[in-house]
Amino acid sequence: MWGLVSRAIIPIAFGAYFFGFALPDNRWMLALLPVSLTLAVVISFACRFMVNLVAFWVTEVRGMVLFYVLLSGVLGGHIIPVQLFPDWLRYVALATPFPAMIQWPINLVTGQTSGWAAVGMVVAQVGWAVALLVAGRVVLARATRKLVFQGG
């Protein structure tokens, strides 16, 4: 829940206060918003789960977690909107699940994406969610077969 507040509600409220805010005219786009937000949370969970699974193979995961947080913040549009990236960096970002966690729901609520493009965005979020959850399950199954306890 804190992720939703810190990464969605606060930035949108800040932008609305300083730059104005207009909801999309199309009610279907507003209907897609809760679906998109839910999928964003699922994708975020799945990514964090995958990063934390690294703990099965390395002793210290804080560096990997920090790298993930920085990378997801930049490529997801949390720091700079993906639309403002140079073309090459936008293509790199769109090849990752990070925009599906932050930028795409914001595009829906601000009306930057509408119509079939918005539906396609939500379908892509479903794809990322399924792929990452399946990958996490596969990695977890492999890790638990090879689990070795350290220490006494």
Protein backbone atom coordinates (compact mmCIF):
# COMPACT_ATOMS: atom_id res chain seq x y z
CA MET A 1 0.00 0.00 0.00
CA TRP A 2 2.84 2.38 0.81
CA GLY A 3 4.22 1.86 -2.69
CA LEU A 4 0.91 2.95 -4.19
CA VAL A 5 0.81 6.05 -2.01
CA SER A 6 4.44 7.04 -2.51
CA ARG A 7 4.70 6.19 -6.20
CA ALA A 8 1.24 7.14 -7.46
CA ILE A 9 -0.96 9.23 -5.24
CA ILE A 10 1.66 11.70 -3.95
CA PRO A 11 3.28 12.41 -7.37
CA ILE A 12 -0.11 12.77 -9.07
CA ALA A 13 -1.37 15.10 -6.31
CA PHE A 14 1.85 17.14 -6.56
CA GLY A 15 1.53 17.43 -10.35
CA ALA A 16 -2.17 18.27 -10.11
CA TYR A 17 -1.50 21.02 -7.60
CA PHE A 18 1.30 22.69 -9.55
CA PHE A 19 0.32 21.94 -13.16
CA GLY A 20 -3.41 21.22 -13.10
CA PHE A 21 -5.16 17.94 -13.66
CA ALA A 22 -7.85 16.73 -16.01
CA LEU A 23 -9.30 13.26 -15.92
CA PRO A 24 -9.72 11.51 -19.26
CA ASP A 25 -13.05 12.16 -20.98
CA ASN A 26 -13.55 8.50 -21.83
CA ARG A 27 -15.05 6.58 -18.90
CA TRP A 28 -13.67 3.30 -20.28
CA MET A 29 -10.18 4.57 -19.61
CA LEU A 30 -11.14 5.30 -16.02
CA ALA A 31 -12.53 1.77 -15.77
CA LEU A 32 -9.16 0.40 -16.90
CA LEU A 33 -7.33 2.34 -14.17
CA PRO A 34 -8.06 0.01 -11.21
CA VAL A 35 -7.11 -2.97 -13.37
CA SER A 36 -3.88 -1.26 -14.41
CA LEU A 37 -3.03 -0.28 -10.82
CA THR A 38 -3.64 -3.82 -9.59
CA LEU A 39 -1.45 -5.23 -12.34
CA ALA A 40 1.25 -2.65 -11.53
CA VAL A 41 1.31 -3.86 -7.92
CA VAL A 42 1.46 -7.50 -9.05
CA ILE A 43 4.34 -6.74 -11.45
CA SER A 44 6.16 -4.81 -8.74
CA PHE A 45 5.76 -7.72 -6.33
CA ALA A 46 6.95 -10.22 -8.93
CA CYS A 47 10.04 -8.14 -9.73
CA ARG A 48 10.93 -7.67 -6.05
CA PHE A 49 10.35 -11.39 -5.50
CA MET A 50 12.77 -12.22 -8.32
CA VAL A 51 15.38 -9.83 -6.95
CA ASN A 52 15.07 -11.27 -3.46
CA LEU A 53 15.38 -14.82 -4.79
CA VAL A 54 19.01 -13.95 -5.47
CA ALA A 55 19.50 -14.50 -1.72
CA PHE A 56 19.50 -18.24 -2.41
CA TRP A 57 22.80 -17.89 -4.27
CA VAL A 58 24.56 -14.89 -2.71
CA THR A 59 25.16 -13.96 0.90
CA GLU A 60 24.47 -10.24 0.57
CA VAL A 61 21.49 -9.01 -1.48
CA ARG A 62 21.33 -5.37 -0.42
CA GLY A 63 23.46 -4.28 -3.37
CA MET A 64 21.18 -6.08 -5.81
CA VAL A 65 18.10 -4.58 -4.16
CA LEU A 66 19.60 -1.08 -4.31
CA PHE A 67 20.50 -1.56 -7.98
CA TYR A 68 16.96 -2.78 -8.70
CA VAL A 69 15.39 0.21 -6.92
CA LEU A 70 17.54 2.68 -8.85
CA LEU A 71 17.05 0.94 -12.20
CA SER A 72 13.29 0.56 -11.78
CA GLY A 73 12.95 4.19 -10.69
CA VAL A 74 14.78 5.47 -13.75
CA LEU A 75 13.41 3.09 -16.41
CA GLY A 76 9.92 3.03 -14.92
CA GLY A 77 9.32 6.74 -15.22
CA HIS A 78 9.30 7.46 -11.50
CA ILE A 79 12.13 9.98 -11.76
CA ILE A 80 11.68 11.21 -15.35
CA PRO A 81 8.65 10.31 -17.50
CA VAL A 82 9.52 7.70 -20.11
CA GLN A 83 8.11 9.96 -22.84
CA LEU A 84 10.95 12.43 -22.19
CA PHE A 85 13.70 9.83 -22.68
CA PRO A 86 15.84 9.91 -25.80
CA ASP A 87 14.60 7.33 -28.32
CA TRP A 88 17.27 4.75 -27.55
CA LEU A 89 16.61 4.88 -23.80
CA ARG A 90 12.83 4.78 -24.32
CA TYR A 91 13.24 1.55 -26.32
CA VAL A 92 15.39 0.09 -23.55
CA ALA A 93 12.83 1.08 -20.90
CA LEU A 94 9.91 -0.34 -22.88
CA ALA A 95 11.74 -3.68 -23.15
CA THR A 96 11.56 -3.98 -19.34
CA PRO A 97 8.59 -4.38 -16.99
CA PHE A 98 9.40 -1.12 -15.18
CA PRO A 99 7.11 1.25 -17.15
CA ALA A 100 4.25 -1.19 -16.49
CA MET A 101 4.67 -0.52 -12.77
CA ILE A 102 4.72 3.27 -12.80
CA GLN A 103 4.42 5.05 -16.13
CA TRP A 104 1.54 3.15 -17.72
CA PRO A 105 -0.99 3.65 -14.90
CA ILE A 106 -0.05 7.34 -14.83
CA ASN A 107 -0.60 7.52 -18.59
CA LEU A 108 -4.10 6.13 -18.07
CA VAL A 109 -5.10 8.48 -15.28
CA THR A 110 -3.78 11.54 -17.08
CA GLY A 111 -5.31 10.60 -20.42
CA GLN A 112 -1.98 10.38 -22.24
CA THR A 113 -2.94 6.92 -23.47
CA SER A 114 -6.46 6.15 -24.57
CA GLY A 115 -8.50 3.89 -26.81
CA TRP A 116 -7.02 0.67 -28.05
CA ALA A 117 -3.53 1.80 -27.06
CA ALA A 118 -4.67 1.82 -23.44
CA VAL A 119 -6.22 -1.62 -23.79
CA GLY A 120 -2.97 -2.84 -25.35
CA MET A 121 -1.04 -1.38 -22.46
CA VAL A 122 -3.17 -3.28 -19.93
CA VAL A 123 -2.82 -6.47 -21.97
CA ALA A 124 0.95 -5.98 -21.94
CA GLN A 125 0.75 -5.56 -18.15
CA VAL A 126 -1.07 -8.88 -17.93
CA GLY A 127 1.70 -10.44 -20.02
CA TRP A 128 4.42 -9.03 -17.77
CA ALA A 129 2.57 -10.15 -14.63
CA VAL A 130 2.11 -13.71 -15.88
CA ALA A 131 5.67 -14.01 -17.21
CA LEU A 132 7.27 -12.67 -14.03
CA LEU A 133 5.11 -14.73 -11.67
CA VAL A 134 5.83 -17.92 -13.64
CA ALA A 135 9.55 -17.09 -13.76
CA GLY A 136 9.56 -16.45 -10.02
CA ARG A 137 7.88 -19.78 -9.36
CA VAL A 138 10.40 -21.60 -11.58
CA VAL A 139 13.36 -19.92 -9.90
CA LEU A 140 11.93 -20.60 -6.43
CA ALA A 141 11.44 -24.29 -7.26
CA ARG A 142 15.02 -24.54 -8.50
CA ALA A 143 16.36 -22.67 -5.48
CA THR A 144 14.56 -24.80 -2.91
CA ARG A 145 15.92 -27.99 -4.48
CA LYS A 146 19.47 -26.73 -3.99
CA LEU A 147 18.99 -24.95 -0.64
CA VAL A 148 22.10 -25.03 1.56
CA PHE A 149 22.04 -23.58 5.06
CA GLN A 150 24.98 -21.46 6.10
CA GLY A 151 26.28 -21.28 9.61
CA GLY A 152 25.76 -23.70 12.52
